[in-house]
Structures are given as structure tokens and as C-alpha cells.
Protein backbone atom coordinates (compact mmCIF):
# COMPACT_ATOMS: atom_id res chain seq x y z
CA MET A 1 103.72 121.68 107.43
CA ASN A 2 101.22 122.29 110.15
CA PRO A 3 100.69 125.14 109.26
CA ILE A 4 102.45 125.93 105.98
CA THR A 5 105.26 128.48 106.31
CA SER A 6 107.59 130.35 104.00
CA GLY A 7 110.23 127.82 105.09
CA HIS A 8 108.07 125.04 103.68
CA GLU A 9 107.79 127.01 100.45
CA LYS A 10 111.58 127.01 100.27
CA LEU A 11 111.54 123.23 100.77
CA VAL A 12 109.00 122.70 97.98
CA LYS A 13 110.94 124.91 95.56
CA THR A 14 114.20 123.12 96.43
CA VAL A 15 112.64 119.67 95.95
CA LYS A 16 111.35 120.65 92.51
CA LYS A 17 114.67 122.27 91.54
CA VAL A 18 116.71 119.23 92.63
CA ALA A 19 114.37 116.85 90.80
CA LYS A 20 114.83 118.86 87.62
CA GLN A 21 118.63 118.96 88.07
CA VAL A 22 118.89 115.18 88.44
CA GLY A 23 116.34 114.43 85.72
CA GLY A 24 113.90 112.89 88.17
CA SER A 25 110.41 113.50 89.41
CA HIS A 26 109.51 115.22 92.66
CA HIS A 27 107.34 113.81 95.44
CA ILE A 28 106.57 115.44 98.76
CA VAL A 29 105.26 113.21 101.54
CA LEU A 30 103.56 114.93 104.47
CA SER A 31 103.32 113.40 107.90
CA HIS A 32 99.90 112.00 108.75
CA SER A 33 100.33 112.78 112.46
CA GLN A 34 97.63 114.79 114.14
CA ASP A 35 97.35 115.97 117.74
CA ALA A 36 95.98 119.05 119.47
CA LYS A 37 99.34 120.60 120.35
CA LYS A 38 101.80 120.14 117.45
CA ASN A 39 99.67 118.94 114.54
CA PRO A 40 96.20 120.48 114.79
CA LEU A 41 95.35 120.04 111.10
CA SER A 42 94.18 116.63 109.91
CA PRO A 43 96.15 115.01 107.08
CA ASP A 44 93.28 115.67 104.65
CA VAL A 45 93.00 119.36 105.59
CA LYS A 46 96.77 119.79 105.48
CA LEU A 47 96.92 118.12 102.05
CA LYS A 48 94.11 120.34 100.75
CA HIS A 49 95.96 123.51 101.87
CA LEU A 50 99.29 122.29 100.49
CA LYS A 51 97.82 121.50 97.09
CA ARG A 52 96.27 124.96 97.02
CA ALA A 53 99.51 126.63 98.12
CA PHE A 54 101.71 124.62 95.75
CA PRO A 55 99.82 123.75 92.57
CA ASP A 56 101.57 121.44 90.12
CA THR A 57 103.36 119.73 93.00
CA ASN A 58 103.15 115.98 93.70
CA ILE A 59 102.06 115.85 97.34
CA THR A 60 100.78 112.91 99.37
CA THR A 61 100.57 112.04 103.05
CA SER A 62 101.99 109.16 104.97
CA SER A 63 99.51 106.85 106.68
CA LYS A 64 99.21 104.48 109.64
CA GLN A 65 100.09 101.64 107.26
CA SER A 66 103.02 103.53 105.72
CA PRO A 67 104.16 106.03 108.37
CA THR A 68 107.91 106.57 107.91
CA ILE A 69 110.50 107.79 105.44
CA LEU A 70 111.57 104.13 105.11
CA HIS A 71 108.07 103.26 103.90
CA ALA A 72 108.22 106.14 101.39
CA ALA A 73 111.60 104.87 100.15
CA SER A 74 110.19 101.35 99.79
CA GLU A 75 107.26 102.72 97.78
CA ALA A 76 109.62 104.60 95.46
CA HIS A 77 111.66 101.40 95.00
CA ARG A 78 108.48 99.41 94.19
CA LYS A 79 107.60 102.03 91.57
CA GLY A 80 110.93 101.44 89.85
CA TYR A 81 113.03 104.38 91.00
CA THR A 82 116.74 103.47 91.12
CA HIS A 83 118.21 106.59 92.75
CA LEU A 84 116.82 108.41 95.77
CA THR A 85 117.41 112.05 96.64
CA VAL A 86 115.70 113.37 99.76
CA VAL A 87 115.48 117.08 100.57
CA ALA A 88 114.85 118.04 104.19
CA GLY A 89 115.49 120.74 106.75
CA ALA A 90 119.00 120.72 108.21
CA ASP A 91 117.74 119.29 111.49
CA ARG A 92 116.49 116.13 109.72
CA VAL A 93 119.42 115.44 107.37
CA PRO A 94 121.69 113.35 109.68
CA GLU A 95 118.84 111.10 110.84
CA TYR A 96 117.43 110.55 107.34
CA GLU A 97 120.85 109.89 105.86
CA ARG A 98 121.74 107.37 108.57
CA LEU A 99 118.41 105.53 108.38
CA LEU A 100 118.07 105.46 104.60
CA LYS A 101 121.62 104.26 104.00
CA HIS A 102 121.49 101.73 106.85
CA TYR A 103 118.45 99.98 105.39
CA ASN A 104 119.44 100.19 101.71
CA GLY A 105 119.46 96.66 100.34
CA LYS A 106 117.86 95.11 103.44
CA PHE A 107 114.63 93.28 102.79
CA THR A 108 114.80 91.06 105.90
CA ASP A 109 115.85 91.62 109.48
CA GLU A 110 118.51 89.68 111.43
CA ALA A 111 116.02 86.86 112.07
CA GLY A 112 115.16 86.57 108.36
CA ALA A 113 111.71 88.14 108.68
CA PRO A 114 110.66 90.77 106.13
CA VAL A 115 111.42 94.31 107.31
CA ARG A 116 108.28 96.21 108.28
CA HIS A 117 108.77 99.01 105.76
CA GLY A 118 109.06 96.59 102.83
CA GLY A 119 112.71 97.07 101.89
CA TYR A 120 114.43 98.89 99.06
CA LYS A 121 117.69 98.99 97.14
CA PHE A 122 118.84 102.17 95.42
CA LYS A 123 122.01 102.65 93.39
CA SER A 124 122.51 105.93 95.24
CA ILE A 125 120.96 107.76 98.16
CA LYS A 126 121.52 111.47 98.78
CA VAL A 127 120.01 113.59 101.53
CA LEU A 128 120.22 117.33 100.88
CA SER A 129 119.50 120.22 103.23
CA THR A 130 117.34 123.27 102.60
CA GLY A 131 119.24 125.01 105.39
CA GLU A 132 118.68 125.92 109.01
CA ARG A 133 115.32 126.97 110.39
CA LYS A 134 114.71 130.68 110.69
CA LYS A 135 113.34 132.13 113.91
CA GLY A 136 109.64 132.92 113.71
CA ILE A 137 108.97 130.67 110.72
CA SER A 138 108.66 127.16 112.17
CA GLY A 139 105.29 125.46 112.57
CA THR A 140 105.67 125.91 116.34
CA ASP A 141 106.29 129.63 115.92
CA MET A 142 103.34 129.93 113.56
CA ARG A 143 101.01 128.11 115.97
CA ASN A 144 102.21 130.49 118.72
CA HIS A 145 101.53 133.51 116.47
CA ALA A 146 97.99 132.20 115.92
CA GLN A 147 97.37 131.49 119.62
CA ASN A 148 98.66 134.97 120.53
CA ASN A 149 96.48 136.64 117.88
CA ASP A 150 99.63 137.98 116.20
CA PHE A 151 98.13 138.06 112.74
CA ASN A 152 100.92 140.20 111.28
CA SER A 153 103.70 137.74 112.23
CA PHE A 154 101.56 134.80 111.11
CA HIS A 155 100.72 136.45 107.79
CA GLN A 156 104.32 137.56 107.19
CA ASN A 157 105.67 134.01 107.55
CA LEU A 158 103.12 132.18 105.39
CA SER A 159 104.12 130.84 101.98
CA SER A 160 103.89 133.57 99.34
CA THR A 161 100.94 131.93 97.58
CA MET A 162 98.95 131.82 100.80
CA ARG A 163 100.08 135.26 101.94
CA ASN A 164 99.00 136.79 98.62
CA ASN A 165 95.52 135.25 98.92
CA ILE A 166 94.74 136.45 102.44
CA GLN A 167 93.46 139.94 103.10
CA HIS A 168 94.11 141.60 106.45
């Protein structure tokens, strides 16, 4: 979500809808990564924009201490959640499903040492897709629109809440 796009808006709406359908709560965890090329916004700035774009949404960021989806799953387990449903873009679904299911119930590695992410055990794990990416809407596309001073394409592909609050 660096920057926020209409595709991310679809993700947020799907997460909230799925949480309601399963009788659970929703949580969105943003990556804490930051670099000049792919992630120009700091985690704090990104979080500020996301909370503005999606009010009434539970949003946090990962951290250096808790950087992966496995850490987020472990945190949910520690908080008492017994079922895990993850919603992600289609390109992430196979990886998340494989990783999350592989580590379910594992609190130690082959040598008996605690796993780095803390471990978790859920009764069920589901990974759902929001669909394929649409051309022109990815964070990469949006950064290119900004670098090329293509304000119209950038504006058109923002989340609706952000698009409605920006004058051009």
C-alpha cells in the first residue's frame, strides 16, 4: 500500500466483508519495509494515510521484531483467535497458504529450538483472494504515474476516499 490504490480499497472492503461473514474481527497488517524505489513512504506515514483513507478499520504495521505473516499469525494465536482467514491479492495466495499451513502447530524447529515467529495453532486456516491485479493500479504503476507527472492516472486509481478528497 505504498501508495494506496483502488485495488487496496477492494482488499480492505473484502477483509471487512469476510470478517463479518465468519463472525470474526478484521485486522490489516501493513509491511514496515521502506526503501527509495518500491516503498518510499515510511511505515508511520503509510499508516497515517491508510487510517485516513479507511476509517473504522483495524490497521497496524509489521516491524523489525515482527516482520512476517507468520509473526502476525502468531500474534493472533496469542490473542486467542482459533481460526485464521487471510485475504490477499491473487499473487500472494499460494505462498501464504503454503507457509501458514506448513507452520500450523509448530512451536519448535527440527532441532527443538523455538521457531522465530513464535508459533501458532489454528483449528482452520483459509487464504482467500481479492482477485488479479489490474493494469495501472498497482503500487508500482502508481509510483510511475507520480514520477511521470501523470496526475490524472494517479488520481483515477486512488482509493475512492482519497480521490474524493483531492482537488485537481
